[in-house]
């Protein structure tokens, strides 16, 4: 069983050189008295700046699969974390912003608005990503990642945690662990830009944060619409076996 001290130790970025938001998503209690095991589900920002030392550290995790949910243009920028045989590309949208009439991006609830729109527009694609991740986790440790590891990845991890019975408060807390790393990554990209980096200086700084309030607002909306966070996720077009697969793979006593 994972103790309180052990869960505190895993709740932060792993020392993967070249990534700032790579961490173990386990170690959270579930409502049925279990805990999500560590060393099983990992989440990360992208490998664009991953060093050789970083690759060695990733290899040591023993991943059976990497779920890359970046869009194709993002994937083309660099090799993945693992060889193609262990990588599944399931592209998900990263923004739903009308550039001709951009929404306000000033407060955490504005991030919740973006997440809400992403899920409304691409709910079945997110469900498919959870299905594939569940199938991988039955075989061993798996990684899911996008570009910054906090929006698309954050929603997928939140959905997985809801299905296995992690409380809404802990789902919010896990999401918010990305806030400092994402802010640090933005600063890194601004100070040491690569020629093919997007011009993030022109993008609202709010998009490079992960405030707890954003996820709390989103989950509150899902509860209001569906009765509970778990009911919301179960209402998506998931494989019927996915909840059980995730529970077997992730929850220990």
Protein backbone atom coordinates (compact mmCIF):
# COMPACT_ATOMS: atom_id res chain seq x y z
CA UNK A 1 0.00 0.00 0.00
CA UNK A 2 1.22 3.53 -0.75
CA UNK A 3 1.66 5.58 2.42
CA UNK A 4 1.05 9.31 2.82
CA UNK A 5 4.77 10.03 2.73
CA UNK A 6 5.17 8.01 -0.47
CA UNK A 7 2.33 9.81 -2.24
CA UNK A 8 3.83 13.17 -1.32
CA UNK A 9 7.15 12.10 -2.82
CA UNK A 10 5.64 11.26 -6.20
CA UNK A 11 3.57 14.44 -6.48
CA UNK A 12 5.95 16.53 -8.49
CA UNK A 13 7.98 16.53 -11.72
CA UNK A 14 10.33 13.63 -12.34
CA UNK A 15 13.95 14.45 -13.25
CA UNK A 16 13.53 13.90 -16.99
CA UNK A 17 16.08 16.22 -18.59
CA UNK A 18 14.43 18.33 -21.28
CA UNK A 19 10.91 18.06 -19.83
CA UNK A 20 9.49 20.20 -17.05
CA UNK A 21 6.05 18.66 -16.56
CA UNK A 22 6.75 14.91 -16.63
CA UNK A 23 5.33 13.18 -13.57
CA UNK A 24 3.77 10.08 -12.08
CA UNK A 25 -0.01 10.57 -11.92
CA UNK A 26 -0.48 7.93 -9.21
CA UNK A 27 -0.63 8.05 -5.45
CA UNK A 28 -4.15 9.45 -5.01
CA UNK A 29 -6.80 7.88 -2.74
CA UNK A 30 -10.04 6.54 -4.17
CA UNK A 31 -13.50 6.63 -2.63
CA UNK A 32 -13.57 2.82 -2.25
CA UNK A 33 -10.60 2.86 0.12
CA UNK A 34 -7.90 2.17 -2.45
CA UNK A 35 -5.16 4.29 -3.91
CA UNK A 36 -3.97 4.79 -7.47
CA UNK A 37 -0.67 2.98 -7.69
CA UNK A 38 2.55 4.68 -8.65
CA UNK A 39 4.80 3.69 -11.53
CA UNK A 40 1.81 2.96 -13.77
CA UNK A 41 0.29 6.09 -15.30
CA UNK A 42 2.65 8.88 -16.31
CA UNK A 43 1.87 12.23 -17.89
CA UNK A 44 4.16 14.72 -19.59
CA UNK A 45 4.85 17.71 -21.75
CA UNK A 46 6.36 16.96 -25.16
CA UNK A 47 9.82 15.54 -25.98
CA UNK A 48 10.94 18.39 -28.25
CA UNK A 49 13.73 19.42 -25.86
CA UNK A 50 14.38 15.94 -24.44
CA UNK A 51 18.10 15.22 -24.04
CA UNK A 52 19.85 11.86 -24.36
CA UNK A 53 20.05 11.70 -20.58
CA UNK A 54 16.33 12.37 -20.49
CA UNK A 55 15.68 9.52 -22.92
CA UNK A 56 17.63 7.14 -20.70
CA UNK A 57 15.47 8.19 -17.73
CA UNK A 58 12.28 7.63 -19.73
CA UNK A 59 13.47 4.21 -20.90
CA UNK A 60 14.05 3.24 -17.26
CA UNK A 61 10.32 3.64 -16.56
CA UNK A 62 9.59 0.48 -18.55
CA UNK A 63 6.74 2.00 -20.55
CA UNK A 64 4.71 -0.44 -22.63
CA UNK A 65 3.17 2.41 -24.62
CA UNK A 66 3.13 6.16 -25.14
CA UNK A 67 -0.15 7.87 -26.02
CA UNK A 68 0.74 11.01 -27.96
CA UNK A 69 -2.32 13.25 -28.33
CA UNK A 70 -0.58 16.15 -30.07
CA UNK A 71 -1.68 17.37 -33.44
CA UNK A 72 0.28 16.24 -36.50
CA UNK A 73 2.20 19.50 -36.91
CA UNK A 74 3.42 19.21 -33.33
CA UNK A 75 4.44 15.57 -33.77
CA UNK A 76 6.59 16.39 -36.79
CA UNK A 77 8.86 18.64 -34.76
CA UNK A 78 10.81 15.88 -33.02
CA UNK A 79 11.08 12.14 -32.37
CA UNK A 80 8.74 10.79 -29.73
CA UNK A 81 9.58 9.53 -26.27
CA UNK A 82 9.78 5.94 -27.54
CA UNK A 83 10.18 4.14 -30.84
CA UNK A 84 7.12 4.11 -33.15
CA UNK A 85 6.27 0.53 -32.20
CA UNK A 86 5.41 1.68 -28.68
CA UNK A 87 3.81 4.99 -29.64
CA UNK A 88 0.15 5.57 -30.48
CA UNK A 89 -0.73 8.91 -32.02
CA UNK A 90 -4.29 10.01 -31.19
CA UNK A 91 -4.43 13.68 -32.21
CA UNK A 92 -6.70 15.90 -30.15
CA UNK A 93 -7.40 19.57 -30.66
CA UNK A 94 -5.38 21.86 -28.42
CA UNK A 95 -7.48 25.02 -28.80
CA UNK A 96 -10.99 26.03 -29.76
CA UNK A 97 -10.30 29.73 -30.14
CA UNK A 98 -11.78 31.82 -32.91
CA UNK A 99 -8.75 33.90 -33.83
CA UNK A 100 -11.00 36.47 -35.51
CA UNK A 101 -13.07 36.90 -32.36
CA UNK A 102 -10.99 35.50 -29.48
CA UNK A 103 -12.75 34.95 -26.16
CA UNK A 104 -11.54 36.67 -22.99
CA UNK A 105 -8.50 34.95 -21.52
CA UNK A 106 -7.95 36.65 -18.21
CA UNK A 107 -9.33 34.45 -15.41
CA UNK A 108 -9.24 30.73 -14.55
CA UNK A 109 -12.87 30.26 -15.52
CA UNK A 110 -11.90 31.28 -19.05
CA UNK A 111 -9.67 28.19 -19.17
CA UNK A 112 -12.64 26.16 -17.98
CA UNK A 113 -14.62 27.64 -20.90
CA UNK A 114 -11.95 26.40 -23.32
CA UNK A 115 -11.94 22.92 -21.77
CA UNK A 116 -15.72 22.82 -21.90
CA UNK A 117 -15.63 23.68 -25.60
CA UNK A 118 -12.93 21.10 -26.30
CA UNK A 119 -14.98 18.37 -24.63
CA UNK A 120 -18.19 19.43 -26.34
CA UNK A 121 -16.51 19.43 -29.75
CA UNK A 122 -14.32 16.35 -29.33
CA UNK A 123 -15.88 14.28 -26.54
CA UNK A 124 -15.79 11.01 -28.54
CA UNK A 125 -12.10 11.56 -29.40
CA UNK A 126 -11.27 12.08 -25.72
CA UNK A 127 -13.22 8.92 -24.88
CA UNK A 128 -11.23 7.01 -27.49
CA UNK A 129 -7.98 8.28 -25.94
CA UNK A 130 -9.11 6.99 -22.54
CA UNK A 131 -10.06 3.63 -24.05
CA UNK A 132 -6.65 3.19 -25.67
CA UNK A 133 -4.86 4.25 -22.50
CA UNK A 134 -6.86 1.74 -20.46
CA UNK A 135 -5.90 -1.07 -22.84
CA UNK A 136 -2.23 -0.13 -22.55
CA UNK A 137 -2.31 0.13 -18.76
CA UNK A 138 -3.57 -3.44 -18.50
CA UNK A 139 -0.23 -4.50 -19.99
CA UNK A 140 2.03 -2.21 -17.95
CA UNK A 141 3.12 1.38 -17.35
CA UNK A 142 1.94 3.92 -19.92
CA UNK A 143 2.51 7.60 -20.66
CA UNK A 144 0.05 10.14 -22.05
CA UNK A 145 1.30 13.51 -23.23
CA UNK A 146 0.51 16.55 -25.33
CA UNK A 147 2.59 19.70 -25.84
CA UNK A 148 2.58 21.23 -22.36
CA UNK A 149 1.08 18.30 -20.50
CA UNK A 150 -1.71 20.23 -18.84
CA UNK A 151 -4.72 20.78 -21.15
CA UNK A 152 -5.41 17.71 -23.31
CA UNK A 153 -3.34 15.53 -20.98
CA UNK A 154 -4.93 17.15 -17.94
CA UNK A 155 -8.43 16.37 -19.19
CA UNK A 156 -7.57 12.75 -20.01
CA UNK A 157 -5.98 12.18 -16.59
CA UNK A 158 -8.98 13.83 -14.90
CA UNK A 159 -11.31 11.48 -16.79
CA UNK A 160 -9.25 8.44 -15.81
CA UNK A 161 -9.18 9.51 -12.17
CA UNK A 162 -12.92 10.12 -12.14
CA UNK A 163 -13.58 6.64 -13.51
CA UNK A 164 -11.50 4.92 -10.82
CA UNK A 165 -13.00 6.95 -7.98
CA UNK A 166 -10.52 9.72 -7.19
CA UNK A 167 -12.36 12.60 -5.50
CA UNK A 168 -13.03 15.83 -7.35
CA UNK A 169 -10.83 17.72 -4.87
CA UNK A 170 -7.90 15.42 -5.61
CA UNK A 171 -8.51 15.60 -9.38
CA UNK A 172 -8.26 19.38 -9.03
CA UNK A 173 -5.10 19.10 -6.92
CA UNK A 174 -3.43 16.75 -9.42
CA UNK A 175 -4.24 19.09 -12.32
CA UNK A 176 -2.84 22.09 -10.43
CA UNK A 177 0.55 20.38 -10.05
CA UNK A 178 1.16 21.45 -13.66
CA UNK A 179 0.96 25.16 -12.86
CA UNK A 180 4.56 25.84 -11.82
CA UNK A 181 6.14 23.56 -14.50
CA UNK A 182 4.06 25.11 -17.30
CA UNK A 183 4.93 28.62 -16.22
CA UNK A 184 8.60 27.60 -16.11
CA UNK A 185 8.39 26.07 -19.57
CA UNK A 186 6.91 29.25 -21.00
CA UNK A 187 9.78 31.24 -19.49
CA UNK A 188 12.28 28.74 -20.93
CA UNK A 189 10.82 28.97 -24.42
CA UNK A 190 10.85 32.76 -24.28
CA UNK A 191 14.47 32.88 -23.10
CA UNK A 192 15.84 30.11 -25.36
CA UNK A 193 13.55 29.89 -28.41
CA UNK A 194 14.07 27.34 -31.18
CA UNK A 195 13.53 28.41 -34.79
CA UNK A 196 10.41 26.25 -35.08
CA UNK A 197 8.85 27.31 -31.76
CA UNK A 198 5.43 28.98 -31.94
CA UNK A 199 5.40 32.68 -31.11
CA UNK A 200 4.07 32.26 -27.60
CA UNK A 201 4.82 35.88 -26.69
CA UNK A 202 1.68 36.81 -28.63
CA UNK A 203 -0.50 34.33 -26.77
CA UNK A 204 -2.25 35.06 -23.48
CA UNK A 205 -0.06 34.04 -20.55
CA UNK A 206 -3.14 32.45 -18.97
CA UNK A 207 -2.84 29.58 -21.45
CA UNK A 208 0.48 28.69 -19.81
CA UNK A 209 -0.98 28.17 -16.34
CA UNK A 210 -2.92 25.40 -14.61
CA UNK A 211 -4.84 27.10 -11.80
CA UNK A 212 -6.83 24.81 -9.54
CA UNK A 213 -9.90 27.01 -10.05
CA UNK A 214 -10.03 26.18 -13.77
CA UNK A 215 -10.45 22.44 -13.17
CA UNK A 216 -12.75 23.06 -10.18
CA UNK A 217 -15.08 25.16 -12.34
CA UNK A 218 -15.09 22.55 -15.11
CA UNK A 219 -15.87 19.67 -12.74
CA UNK A 220 -18.60 21.75 -11.10
CA UNK A 221 -20.24 22.17 -14.49
CA UNK A 222 -20.00 18.44 -15.18
CA UNK A 223 -21.60 17.63 -11.82
CA UNK A 224 -24.42 20.09 -12.51
CA UNK A 225 -25.11 18.52 -15.93
CA UNK A 226 -24.63 14.84 -15.15
CA UNK A 227 -25.02 14.41 -11.39
CA UNK A 228 -21.36 13.55 -10.70
CA UNK A 229 -17.98 13.72 -12.36
CA UNK A 230 -17.90 9.95 -12.75
CA UNK A 231 -21.37 9.95 -14.34
CA UNK A 232 -20.17 12.56 -16.83
CA UNK A 233 -17.24 10.40 -17.97
CA UNK A 234 -19.29 7.19 -18.00
CA UNK A 235 -21.78 8.97 -20.24
CA UNK A 236 -19.18 9.39 -22.98
CA UNK A 237 -18.91 6.76 -25.74
CA UNK A 238 -16.38 4.65 -23.85
CA UNK A 239 -15.66 0.99 -24.39
CA UNK A 240 -17.83 -0.73 -21.74
CA UNK A 241 -14.72 -2.51 -20.41
CA UNK A 242 -12.68 0.68 -19.90
CA UNK A 243 -13.73 1.53 -16.31
CA UNK A 244 -12.98 -2.01 -15.10
CA UNK A 245 -9.68 -2.11 -16.98
CA UNK A 246 -8.57 1.15 -15.42
CA UNK A 247 -9.58 0.04 -11.94
CA UNK A 248 -7.67 -3.26 -12.27
CA UNK A 249 -4.61 -1.52 -13.67
CA UNK A 250 -4.42 1.46 -11.35
CA UNK A 251 -6.15 0.89 -8.01
CA UNK A 252 -4.46 -1.00 -5.20
CA UNK A 253 -5.47 -1.60 -1.58
